Amino acid sequence: MGAALVSYRWELRKLRSLRRTYLGLGAAVAVPVIFAIAVTTQSSSPNDVAFGSYIHQTGLAIPLVLLLFGSAWMYPLIIALVAGDIVASEDHNGTLKTILTRGVDRGPLLAGKAMATVTYAVGAILASGVVAVIAGSAVSGLNPITTLSGQRVSAITGLGLVFASLGVYLIPILAIASIGLLLSTLTRNSTAAVVGTLMAALLFQLIGILPGLGALKPYLLSTQFSAWQGLLRTPIDWAPILRALWVCSLYAVPALITAGIVFVRRDVDGG
């Protein structure tokens, strides 16, 4: 475990020096600001989505609406920028062989990269949520919000529900990160891994809307992006949240195990 923590700290230092890290985090905080500004210029509301009708009434609705819009491509892309690069970049830069020849075991090295990816994912979603709340409150006020069950809750309670929703939203996000890590390990190409991760996320979305495949929808990774809505019901509906936990595990665990097997057995001779 000690070796994995050393690798983790090293990977965090590397992430702080990479342009794509700030590109992803920049997008995570810029989009909520742009969305909030757009709210001030529009008198209408996106009434066809959950909480869309409340964006002019309370800033707490804005981060929730963004969770709905961002699940299709924005947040998966932000996560893929790092998850798809964190292993493949070593091949591109020719540094993997050098690292391994310094006595670093492959298992702890990959574990450190996985933990750094998780840290980035948590940071990106949290930063996006915090900025969305601040920007939304600036334009619409930090006011009470009405839940999906029609119950009006105080601003403080609503704020807690928003951040709890961000936590549930991380469940499928981390599954996407696991797929990105796998593709980064398999392809040895950052661009292919990033694009592949985004395409996988979009493919789940496509399967979910195809006619005749409705039976698969509860088990698709894309469906789990709406599990947080269970927190916004009275009483809390835990069923979609618990389903998200085990369904996302079905995607994440095999991806991580496969990435580990491939990485441990990798021939790094020549780069």
Protein backbone atom coordinates (compact mmCIF):
# COMPACT_ATOMS: atom_id res chain seq x y z
CA MET A 1 0.00 0.00 0.00
CA GLY A 2 2.90 2.31 0.76
CA ALA A 3 4.27 1.96 -2.77
CA ALA A 4 0.83 2.75 -4.21
CA LEU A 5 0.62 5.91 -2.11
CA VAL A 6 4.06 7.01 -3.28
CA SER A 7 2.94 6.42 -6.87
CA TYR A 8 -0.30 8.28 -6.14
CA ARG A 9 1.50 11.36 -4.87
CA TRP A 10 3.81 11.29 -7.87
CA GLU A 11 0.87 11.02 -10.26
CA LEU A 12 -0.82 13.98 -8.59
CA ARG A 13 2.31 16.06 -9.13
CA LYS A 14 2.33 15.05 -12.78
CA LEU A 15 -1.34 15.94 -13.17
CA ARG A 16 -0.64 19.41 -11.81
CA SER A 17 1.87 19.94 -14.60
CA LEU A 18 -0.32 18.74 -17.48
CA ARG A 19 -2.26 21.12 -19.71
CA ARG A 20 -5.14 18.70 -20.21
CA THR A 21 -5.76 18.63 -16.44
CA TYR A 22 -6.45 22.36 -16.45
CA LEU A 23 -8.36 22.08 -19.71
CA GLY A 24 -10.76 19.62 -18.11
CA LEU A 25 -11.08 21.54 -14.85
CA GLY A 26 -11.44 24.78 -16.79
CA ALA A 27 -14.34 23.34 -18.77
CA ALA A 28 -15.91 22.00 -15.56
CA VAL A 29 -16.05 25.50 -14.06
CA ALA A 30 -16.59 27.51 -17.25
CA VAL A 31 -19.75 25.73 -18.39
CA PRO A 32 -21.74 26.52 -15.21
CA VAL A 33 -20.75 30.18 -15.49
CA ILE A 34 -21.78 30.32 -19.16
CA PHE A 35 -25.04 28.55 -18.34
CA ALA A 36 -25.80 30.98 -15.51
CA ILE A 37 -25.12 33.96 -17.77
CA ALA A 38 -27.41 32.45 -20.40
CA VAL A 39 -30.15 32.18 -17.78
CA THR A 40 -30.03 35.95 -17.25
CA THR A 41 -30.57 36.58 -20.95
CA GLN A 42 -33.52 34.22 -21.37
CA SER A 43 -36.98 34.65 -19.94
CA SER A 44 -38.02 31.10 -20.79
CA SER A 45 -37.02 27.93 -18.97
CA PRO A 46 -36.24 24.36 -20.15
CA ASN A 47 -39.49 23.00 -18.76
CA ASP A 48 -39.01 19.62 -20.42
CA VAL A 49 -36.23 18.61 -18.00
CA ALA A 50 -36.32 18.09 -14.25
CA PHE A 51 -35.82 21.35 -12.31
CA GLY A 52 -35.66 23.31 -15.56
CA SER A 53 -38.73 25.33 -14.62
CA TYR A 54 -37.02 26.53 -11.43
CA ILE A 55 -33.82 28.01 -12.85
CA HIS A 56 -35.17 31.57 -12.57
CA GLN A 57 -36.45 30.96 -9.04
CA THR A 58 -33.40 29.50 -7.30
CA GLY A 59 -29.75 29.04 -8.11
CA LEU A 60 -29.92 25.51 -6.67
CA ALA A 61 -31.75 24.37 -9.79
CA ILE A 62 -28.83 25.24 -12.08
CA PRO A 63 -26.34 22.58 -10.87
CA LEU A 64 -29.11 19.97 -11.05
CA VAL A 65 -30.05 20.91 -14.62
CA LEU A 66 -26.36 20.79 -15.55
CA LEU A 67 -26.14 17.23 -14.21
CA LEU A 68 -28.86 16.28 -16.69
CA PHE A 69 -27.32 18.06 -19.68
CA GLY A 70 -23.72 17.14 -18.83
CA SER A 71 -24.20 13.39 -18.63
CA ALA A 72 -24.43 12.94 -22.41
CA TRP A 73 -20.94 14.12 -23.31
CA MET A 74 -19.59 17.02 -21.23
CA TYR A 75 -18.66 15.30 -17.98
CA PRO A 76 -17.57 12.04 -19.68
CA LEU A 77 -15.26 14.10 -21.92
CA ILE A 78 -13.83 16.01 -18.96
CA ILE A 79 -13.06 12.73 -17.18
CA ALA A 80 -11.75 11.05 -20.34
CA LEU A 81 -9.15 13.79 -20.84
CA VAL A 82 -7.20 12.44 -17.87
CA ALA A 83 -8.39 8.83 -17.59
CA GLY A 84 -7.57 8.15 -21.22
CA ASP A 85 -4.15 9.76 -20.98
CA ILE A 86 -2.76 8.73 -17.62
CA VAL A 87 -1.24 5.44 -18.80
CA ALA A 88 -0.98 6.05 -22.55
CA SER A 89 1.09 9.18 -22.03
CA GLU A 90 3.87 7.04 -20.56
CA ASP A 91 4.05 5.14 -23.85
CA HIS A 92 3.95 8.33 -25.88
CA ASN A 93 6.73 9.92 -23.85
CA GLY A 94 8.74 6.72 -23.55
CA THR A 95 8.88 7.04 -19.76
CA LEU A 96 7.25 3.79 -18.66
CA LYS A 97 10.36 1.67 -19.12
CA THR A 98 12.44 4.22 -17.22
CA ILE A 99 9.99 4.21 -14.31
CA LEU A 100 9.93 0.42 -14.11
CA THR A 101 13.71 0.13 -14.22
CA ARG A 102 13.85 2.25 -11.06
CA GLY A 103 12.33 -0.60 -9.08
CA VAL A 104 8.70 0.55 -9.11
CA ASP A 105 6.35 -2.43 -9.19
CA ARG A 106 3.68 -2.36 -11.85
CA GLY A 107 0.73 -3.05 -9.53
CA PRO A 108 1.35 -0.11 -7.19
CA LEU A 109 2.17 2.09 -10.18
CA LEU A 110 -1.19 1.41 -11.83
CA ALA A 111 -2.98 1.71 -8.48
CA GLY A 112 -1.45 5.17 -8.03
CA LYS A 113 -2.61 6.17 -11.48
CA ALA A 114 -6.13 4.88 -10.75
CA MET A 115 -6.30 6.82 -7.47
CA ALA A 116 -5.05 9.97 -9.17
CA THR A 117 -7.76 9.56 -11.81
CA VAL A 118 -10.41 9.20 -9.11
CA THR A 119 -9.07 12.32 -7.36
CA TYR A 120 -9.28 14.30 -10.59
CA ALA A 121 -12.82 13.06 -11.26
CA VAL A 122 -13.99 14.00 -7.77
CA GLY A 123 -12.29 17.38 -8.06
CA ALA A 124 -13.82 18.12 -11.45
CA ILE A 125 -17.38 17.25 -10.42
CA LEU A 126 -17.08 19.05 -7.09
CA ALA A 127 -15.58 22.16 -8.71
CA SER A 128 -18.34 22.20 -11.31
CA GLY A 129 -21.01 21.85 -8.63
CA VAL A 130 -19.57 24.56 -6.38
CA VAL A 131 -19.24 27.04 -9.25
CA ALA A 132 -22.74 26.17 -10.49
CA VAL A 133 -24.21 26.88 -7.04
CA ILE A 134 -22.32 30.17 -6.71
CA ALA A 135 -23.11 31.33 -10.24
CA GLY A 136 -26.70 30.15 -10.01
CA SER A 137 -27.22 31.88 -6.68
CA ALA A 138 -25.73 35.07 -8.09
CA VAL A 139 -28.32 35.22 -10.88
CA SER A 140 -31.35 33.53 -9.29
CA GLY A 141 -30.71 33.75 -5.57
CA LEU A 142 -30.07 31.07 -2.96
CA ASN A 143 -33.74 30.29 -2.46
CA PRO A 144 -35.76 27.21 -1.45
CA ILE A 145 -36.28 24.56 -4.11
CA THR A 146 -39.15 22.21 -4.88
CA THR A 147 -38.27 18.52 -5.01
CA LEU A 148 -39.49 16.04 -7.60
CA SER A 149 -42.22 15.03 -5.16
CA GLY A 150 -43.51 18.59 -5.03
CA GLN A 151 -42.20 19.34 -1.54
CA ARG A 152 -40.60 22.75 -1.05
CA VAL A 153 -37.43 22.53 1.03
CA SER A 154 -35.29 25.28 2.53
CA ALA A 155 -32.21 26.60 0.77
CA ILE A 156 -29.91 24.91 3.31
CA THR A 157 -31.63 21.55 2.89
CA GLY A 158 -31.61 22.02 -0.88
CA LEU A 159 -27.91 22.82 -0.79
CA GLY A 160 -27.24 19.58 1.06
CA LEU A 161 -29.32 17.67 -1.49
CA VAL A 162 -27.36 19.24 -4.35
CA PHE A 163 -24.02 18.11 -2.98
CA ALA A 164 -25.41 14.69 -2.08
CA SER A 165 -26.58 14.46 -5.70
CA LEU A 166 -23.06 15.26 -6.88
CA GLY A 167 -21.83 12.35 -4.77
CA VAL A 168 -24.30 9.94 -6.36
CA TYR A 169 -23.44 11.35 -9.79
CA LEU A 170 -19.85 10.31 -9.17
CA ILE A 171 -20.84 6.63 -9.22
CA PRO A 172 -21.26 6.39 -13.03
CA ILE A 173 -18.53 8.99 -13.54
CA LEU A 174 -16.02 6.70 -11.84
CA ALA A 175 -17.21 3.83 -14.04
CA ILE A 176 -16.48 6.02 -17.07
CA ALA A 177 -13.05 6.77 -15.59
CA SER A 178 -12.41 3.02 -15.23
CA ILE A 179 -13.23 2.47 -18.89
CA GLY A 180 -10.90 5.33 -19.80
CA LEU A 181 -8.11 3.80 -17.74
CA LEU A 182 -8.64 0.46 -19.48
CA LEU A 183 -8.54 2.01 -22.94
CA SER A 184 -5.48 4.05 -21.97
CA THR A 185 -3.75 0.80 -21.00
CA LEU A 186 -4.91 -1.17 -24.04
CA THR A 187 -4.40 1.35 -26.82
CA ARG A 188 -1.19 3.02 -25.59
CA ASN A 189 -2.50 6.09 -27.41
CA SER A 190 -3.96 9.04 -25.52
CA THR A 191 -6.11 10.32 -28.38
CA ALA A 192 -7.57 6.89 -29.11
CA ALA A 193 -8.29 6.30 -25.43
CA VAL A 194 -9.93 9.70 -24.87
CA VAL A 195 -12.06 9.41 -28.01
CA GLY A 196 -12.87 5.77 -27.22
CA THR A 197 -14.04 6.63 -23.72
CA LEU A 198 -16.29 9.40 -25.02
CA MET A 199 -17.64 7.14 -27.77
CA ALA A 200 -18.42 4.44 -25.21
CA ALA A 201 -20.42 6.97 -23.16
CA LEU A 202 -22.29 8.11 -26.26
CA LEU A 203 -22.91 4.50 -27.32
CA PHE A 204 -24.67 3.80 -24.03
CA GLN A 205 -26.83 6.86 -24.67
CA LEU A 206 -27.67 5.62 -28.17
CA ILE A 207 -28.58 2.12 -27.02
CA GLY A 208 -30.89 3.65 -24.43
CA ILE A 209 -33.03 5.38 -27.06
CA LEU A 210 -33.11 2.64 -29.70
CA PRO A 211 -36.54 1.01 -30.12
CA GLY A 212 -36.84 -2.58 -29.00
CA LEU A 213 -33.99 -2.35 -26.48
CA GLY A 214 -35.97 -0.97 -23.56
CA ALA A 215 -35.23 -4.05 -21.46
CA LEU A 216 -31.54 -3.11 -21.43
CA LYS A 217 -32.06 0.44 -20.22
CA PRO A 218 -31.94 -0.27 -16.45
CA TYR A 219 -28.53 -1.90 -16.93
CA LEU A 220 -26.93 0.72 -19.14
CA LEU A 221 -24.25 2.96 -17.69
CA SER A 222 -26.01 6.01 -19.13
CA THR A 223 -29.17 5.28 -17.13
CA GLN A 224 -27.25 5.47 -13.86
CA PHE A 225 -26.52 9.16 -14.47
CA SER A 226 -30.07 9.90 -13.32
CA ALA A 227 -29.83 7.89 -10.08
CA TRP A 228 -29.24 11.08 -8.08
CA GLN A 229 -32.82 12.09 -8.71
CA GLY A 230 -33.84 9.53 -6.10
CA LEU A 231 -32.45 11.91 -3.46
CA LEU A 232 -34.83 14.63 -4.65
CA ARG A 233 -37.95 12.64 -3.79
CA THR A 234 -39.90 12.40 -0.55
CA PRO A 235 -39.22 9.94 0.92
CA ILE A 236 -35.83 9.34 -0.68
CA ASP A 237 -35.99 6.67 -3.37
CA TRP A 238 -32.93 4.53 -2.72
CA ALA A 239 -33.69 1.95 -5.43
CA PRO A 240 -32.02 3.79 -8.38
CA ILE A 241 -29.04 4.70 -6.19
CA LEU A 242 -28.47 1.11 -5.07
CA ARG A 243 -28.94 -0.07 -8.66
CA ALA A 244 -26.37 2.46 -9.83
CA LEU A 245 -23.87 1.08 -7.32
CA TRP A 246 -24.03 -2.51 -8.53
CA VAL A 247 -24.61 -1.76 -12.22
CA CYS A 248 -21.64 0.61 -12.36
CA SER A 249 -19.56 -1.99 -10.52
CA LEU A 250 -20.32 -4.42 -13.35
CA TYR A 251 -18.59 -1.98 -15.71
CA ALA A 252 -15.85 -0.61 -13.47
CA VAL A 253 -14.50 -3.71 -11.74
CA PRO A 254 -13.90 -5.81 -14.89
CA ALA A 255 -12.36 -2.77 -16.60
CA LEU A 256 -9.93 -2.21 -13.73
CA ILE A 257 -9.06 -5.90 -13.44
CA THR A 258 -8.44 -6.15 -17.18
CA ALA A 259 -6.33 -2.99 -17.13
CA GLY A 260 -4.29 -4.45 -14.29
CA ILE A 261 -3.71 -7.75 -16.08
CA VAL A 262 -2.70 -6.02 -19.31
CA PHE A 263 -0.43 -3.57 -17.53
CA VAL A 264 1.32 -6.20 -15.43
CA ARG A 265 1.98 -8.39 -18.47
CA ARG A 266 2.99 -5.54 -20.76
CA ASP A 267 6.25 -5.79 -22.66
CA VAL A 268 7.93 -2.42 -22.34
CA ASP A 269 11.11 -3.25 -24.21
CA GLY A 270 11.89 -0.48 -26.64
CA GLY A 271 9.64 2.14 -24.90
